[in-house]
């Protein structure tokens, strides 16, 4: 998982066309996971959190993705890349970003609109 922080650039291909975005803020989604208890050796429920990058599109070659559109990317889907002495983020593989408008789910819209 990449170390994500605000004002980092994100580059990815959507429908084979490049999209450039910047991370506006990092939000965390909490969920219940399972872990092994060292003392008993049994699985127990444990509270975990997943970082999400709230991004805004700066440049887009894809006509379906508009400039200024906001979306979420889970932190585990990103990887660090260094180009020309500048650290950037890219997708590890072909992943789908969760957009705030037609593609996003209700919780994606809630996280994006949280700090407005």
C-alpha atoms as a PDB file:
ATOM      1  CA  UNK A   1       0.000   0.000   0.000  1.00  0.00           C
ATOM      2  CA  UNK A   2       1.310   3.430  -0.912  1.00  0.00           C
ATOM      3  CA  UNK A   3       1.851   6.162   1.639  1.00  0.00           C
ATOM      4  CA  UNK A   4      -0.757   8.712   0.576  1.00  0.00           C
ATOM      5  CA  UNK A   5      -0.971  12.335   1.657  1.00  0.00           C
ATOM      6  CA  UNK A   6      -2.679  15.481   0.326  1.00  0.00           C
ATOM      7  CA  UNK A   7      -1.395  17.350  -2.761  1.00  0.00           C
ATOM      8  CA  UNK A   8       0.143  14.247  -4.355  1.00  0.00           C
ATOM      9  CA  UNK A   9      -0.420  13.578  -8.056  1.00  0.00           C
ATOM     10  CA  UNK A  10      -2.273  10.458  -9.229  1.00  0.00           C
ATOM     11  CA  UNK A  11      -1.971   9.148 -12.800  1.00  0.00           C
ATOM     12  CA  UNK A  12      -4.089   6.343 -14.264  1.00  0.00           C
ATOM     13  CA  UNK A  13      -5.717   5.174 -17.476  1.00  0.00           C
ATOM     14  CA  UNK A  14      -9.501   5.137 -17.723  1.00  0.00           C
ATOM     15  CA  UNK A  15     -10.851   3.393 -20.847  1.00  0.00           C
ATOM     16  CA  UNK A  16      -7.293   3.451 -22.238  1.00  0.00           C
ATOM     17  CA  UNK A  17      -6.978   7.255 -21.913  1.00  0.00           C
ATOM     18  CA  UNK A  18      -4.909   9.092 -19.335  1.00  0.00           C
ATOM     19  CA  UNK A  19      -6.366  10.908 -16.345  1.00  0.00           C
ATOM     20  CA  UNK A  20      -4.366  13.145 -13.993  1.00  0.00           C
ATOM     21  CA  UNK A  21      -5.713  13.997 -10.540  1.00  0.00           C
ATOM     22  CA  UNK A  22      -4.522  15.464  -7.262  1.00  0.00           C
ATOM     23  CA  UNK A  23      -5.324  14.160  -3.768  1.00  0.00           C
ATOM     24  CA  UNK A  24      -7.319  16.773  -1.867  1.00  0.00           C
ATOM     25  CA  UNK A  25      -7.515  14.893   1.429  1.00  0.00           C
ATOM     26  CA  UNK A  26      -7.239  11.438   2.966  1.00  0.00           C
ATOM     27  CA  UNK A  27     -10.249   9.859   4.693  1.00  0.00           C
ATOM     28  CA  UNK A  28     -10.499   6.614   6.621  1.00  0.00           C
ATOM     29  CA  UNK A  29     -13.321   4.073   6.482  1.00  0.00           C
ATOM     30  CA  UNK A  30     -13.621   1.918   9.585  1.00  0.00           C
ATOM     31  CA  UNK A  31     -14.765  -1.686   9.407  1.00  0.00           C
ATOM     32  CA  UNK A  32     -14.762  -4.898  11.442  1.00  0.00           C
ATOM     33  CA  UNK A  33     -12.106  -7.459  10.523  1.00  0.00           C
ATOM     34  CA  UNK A  34     -10.825 -10.670  12.059  1.00  0.00           C
ATOM     35  CA  UNK A  35      -7.467 -11.289  13.664  1.00  0.00           C
ATOM     36  CA  UNK A  36      -5.897 -14.101  15.669  1.00  0.00           C
ATOM     37  CA  UNK A  37      -5.621 -13.586  19.402  1.00  0.00           C
ATOM     38  CA  UNK A  38      -2.073 -14.538  20.466  1.00  0.00           C
ATOM     39  CA  UNK A  39      -3.125 -15.736  23.907  1.00  0.00           C
ATOM     40  CA  UNK A  40      -6.070 -17.966  22.955  1.00  0.00           C
ATOM     41  CA  UNK A  41      -5.222 -18.728  19.305  1.00  0.00           C
ATOM     42  CA  UNK A  42      -8.802 -18.024  18.253  1.00  0.00           C
ATOM     43  CA  UNK A  43     -10.134 -15.561  15.713  1.00  0.00           C
ATOM     44  CA  UNK A  44     -11.569 -12.405  17.252  1.00  0.00           C
ATOM     45  CA  UNK A  45     -13.315  -9.377  15.751  1.00  0.00           C
ATOM     46  CA  UNK A  46     -11.066  -6.347  15.517  1.00  0.00           C
ATOM     47  CA  UNK A  47     -11.728  -2.759  14.392  1.00  0.00           C
ATOM     48  CA  UNK A  48      -9.630  -1.781  11.348  1.00  0.00           C
ATOM     49  CA  UNK A  49      -9.458   1.256   9.078  1.00  0.00           C
ATOM     50  CA  UNK A  50      -8.802   1.650   5.344  1.00  0.00           C
ATOM     51  CA  UNK A  51      -7.362   4.910   3.941  1.00  0.00           C
ATOM     52  CA  UNK A  52      -9.125   6.447   0.941  1.00  0.00           C
ATOM     53  CA  UNK A  53      -7.730   9.237  -1.231  1.00  0.00           C
ATOM     54  CA  UNK A  54     -10.333  11.889  -2.108  1.00  0.00           C
ATOM     55  CA  UNK A  55      -9.117  13.107  -5.516  1.00  0.00           C
ATOM     56  CA  UNK A  56     -10.053  15.823  -7.997  1.00  0.00           C
ATOM     57  CA  UNK A  57      -9.412  15.496 -11.759  1.00  0.00           C
ATOM     58  CA  UNK A  58      -6.966  18.081 -13.195  1.00  0.00           C
ATOM     59  CA  UNK A  59      -6.474  16.767 -16.760  1.00  0.00           C
ATOM     60  CA  UNK A  60      -8.430  14.135 -18.654  1.00  0.00           C
ATOM     61  CA  UNK A  61      -8.152  12.663 -22.147  1.00  0.00           C
ATOM     62  CA  UNK A  62     -11.236  10.525 -21.514  1.00  0.00           C
ATOM     63  CA  UNK A  63     -14.515  12.276 -22.482  1.00  0.00           C
ATOM     64  CA  UNK A  64     -16.455  10.346 -19.799  1.00  0.00           C
ATOM     65  CA  UNK A  65     -14.319  11.847 -16.994  1.00  0.00           C
ATOM     66  CA  UNK A  66     -14.776  15.602 -16.665  1.00  0.00           C
ATOM     67  CA  UNK A  67     -12.181  18.028 -15.296  1.00  0.00           C
ATOM     68  CA  UNK A  68     -13.064  18.958 -11.714  1.00  0.00           C
ATOM     69  CA  UNK A  69     -14.881  15.683 -11.016  1.00  0.00           C
ATOM     70  CA  UNK A  70     -14.198  14.090  -7.621  1.00  0.00           C
ATOM     71  CA  UNK A  71     -13.609  10.417  -6.868  1.00  0.00           C
ATOM     72  CA  UNK A  72     -12.260   7.988  -4.265  1.00  0.00           C
ATOM     73  CA  UNK A  73      -9.408   5.521  -4.530  1.00  0.00           C
ATOM     74  CA  UNK A  74      -8.652   2.960  -1.826  1.00  0.00           C
ATOM     75  CA  UNK A  75      -5.094   3.240  -0.509  1.00  0.00           C
ATOM     76  CA  UNK A  76      -4.229  -0.399  -1.186  1.00  0.00           C
ATOM     77  CA  UNK A  77      -4.881   0.081  -4.932  1.00  0.00           C
ATOM     78  CA  UNK A  78      -2.123   2.706  -5.305  1.00  0.00           C
ATOM     79  CA  UNK A  79       1.639   2.373  -5.587  1.00  0.00           C
ATOM     80  CA  UNK A  80       4.463   4.915  -5.406  1.00  0.00           C
ATOM     81  CA  UNK A  81       6.403   5.793  -8.561  1.00  0.00           C
ATOM     82  CA  UNK A  82       9.336   8.222  -8.830  1.00  0.00           C
ATOM     83  CA  UNK A  83       9.682  10.134 -12.114  1.00  0.00           C
ATOM     84  CA  UNK A  84      12.073  13.052 -12.587  1.00  0.00           C
ATOM     85  CA  UNK A  85      12.774  13.181  -8.829  1.00  0.00           C
ATOM     86  CA  UNK A  86       9.073  13.661  -8.042  1.00  0.00           C
ATOM     87  CA  UNK A  87       7.006  11.051  -6.227  1.00  0.00           C
ATOM     88  CA  UNK A  88       3.647  10.217  -7.822  1.00  0.00           C
ATOM     89  CA  UNK A  89       0.969   7.578  -7.399  1.00  0.00           C
ATOM     90  CA  UNK A  90      -0.401   5.136  -9.969  1.00  0.00           C
ATOM     91  CA  UNK A  91      -2.777   2.179  -9.870  1.00  0.00           C
ATOM     92  CA  UNK A  92      -1.210  -1.220  -9.162  1.00  0.00           C
ATOM     93  CA  UNK A  93      -3.471  -2.764 -11.826  1.00  0.00           C
ATOM     94  CA  UNK A  94      -6.644  -1.931 -13.727  1.00  0.00           C
ATOM     95  CA  UNK A  95      -8.941  -0.629 -11.013  1.00  0.00           C
ATOM     96  CA  UNK A  96     -12.108   1.408 -11.016  1.00  0.00           C
ATOM     97  CA  UNK A  97     -12.263   4.709  -9.182  1.00  0.00           C
ATOM     98  CA  UNK A  98     -15.520   5.448  -7.365  1.00  0.00           C
ATOM     99  CA  UNK A  99     -16.850   8.728  -8.746  1.00  0.00           C
ATOM    100  CA  UNK A 100     -19.129  11.023  -6.789  1.00  0.00           C
ATOM    101  CA  UNK A 101     -21.761  11.323  -9.511  1.00  0.00           C
ATOM    102  CA  UNK A 102     -23.171   8.469 -11.574  1.00  0.00           C
ATOM    103  CA  UNK A 103     -20.650   5.738 -10.676  1.00  0.00           C
ATOM    104  CA  UNK A 104     -20.286   6.283  -6.930  1.00  0.00           C
ATOM    105  CA  UNK A 105     -22.210   4.579  -4.196  1.00  0.00           C
ATOM    106  CA  UNK A 106     -23.904   6.418  -1.342  1.00  0.00           C
ATOM    107  CA  UNK A 107     -20.970   6.060   1.079  1.00  0.00           C
ATOM    108  CA  UNK A 108     -18.560   7.388  -1.599  1.00  0.00           C
ATOM    109  CA  UNK A 109     -20.674  10.549  -1.934  1.00  0.00           C
ATOM    110  CA  UNK A 110     -20.829  10.840   1.869  1.00  0.00           C
ATOM    111  CA  UNK A 111     -17.013  10.688   2.262  1.00  0.00           C
ATOM    112  CA  UNK A 112     -16.412  13.168  -0.598  1.00  0.00           C
ATOM    113  CA  UNK A 113     -18.966  15.687   0.754  1.00  0.00           C
ATOM    114  CA  UNK A 114     -17.847  15.249   4.389  1.00  0.00           C
ATOM    115  CA  UNK A 115     -15.642  18.368   4.730  1.00  0.00           C
ATOM    116  CA  UNK A 116     -17.550  20.825   2.534  1.00  0.00           C
END
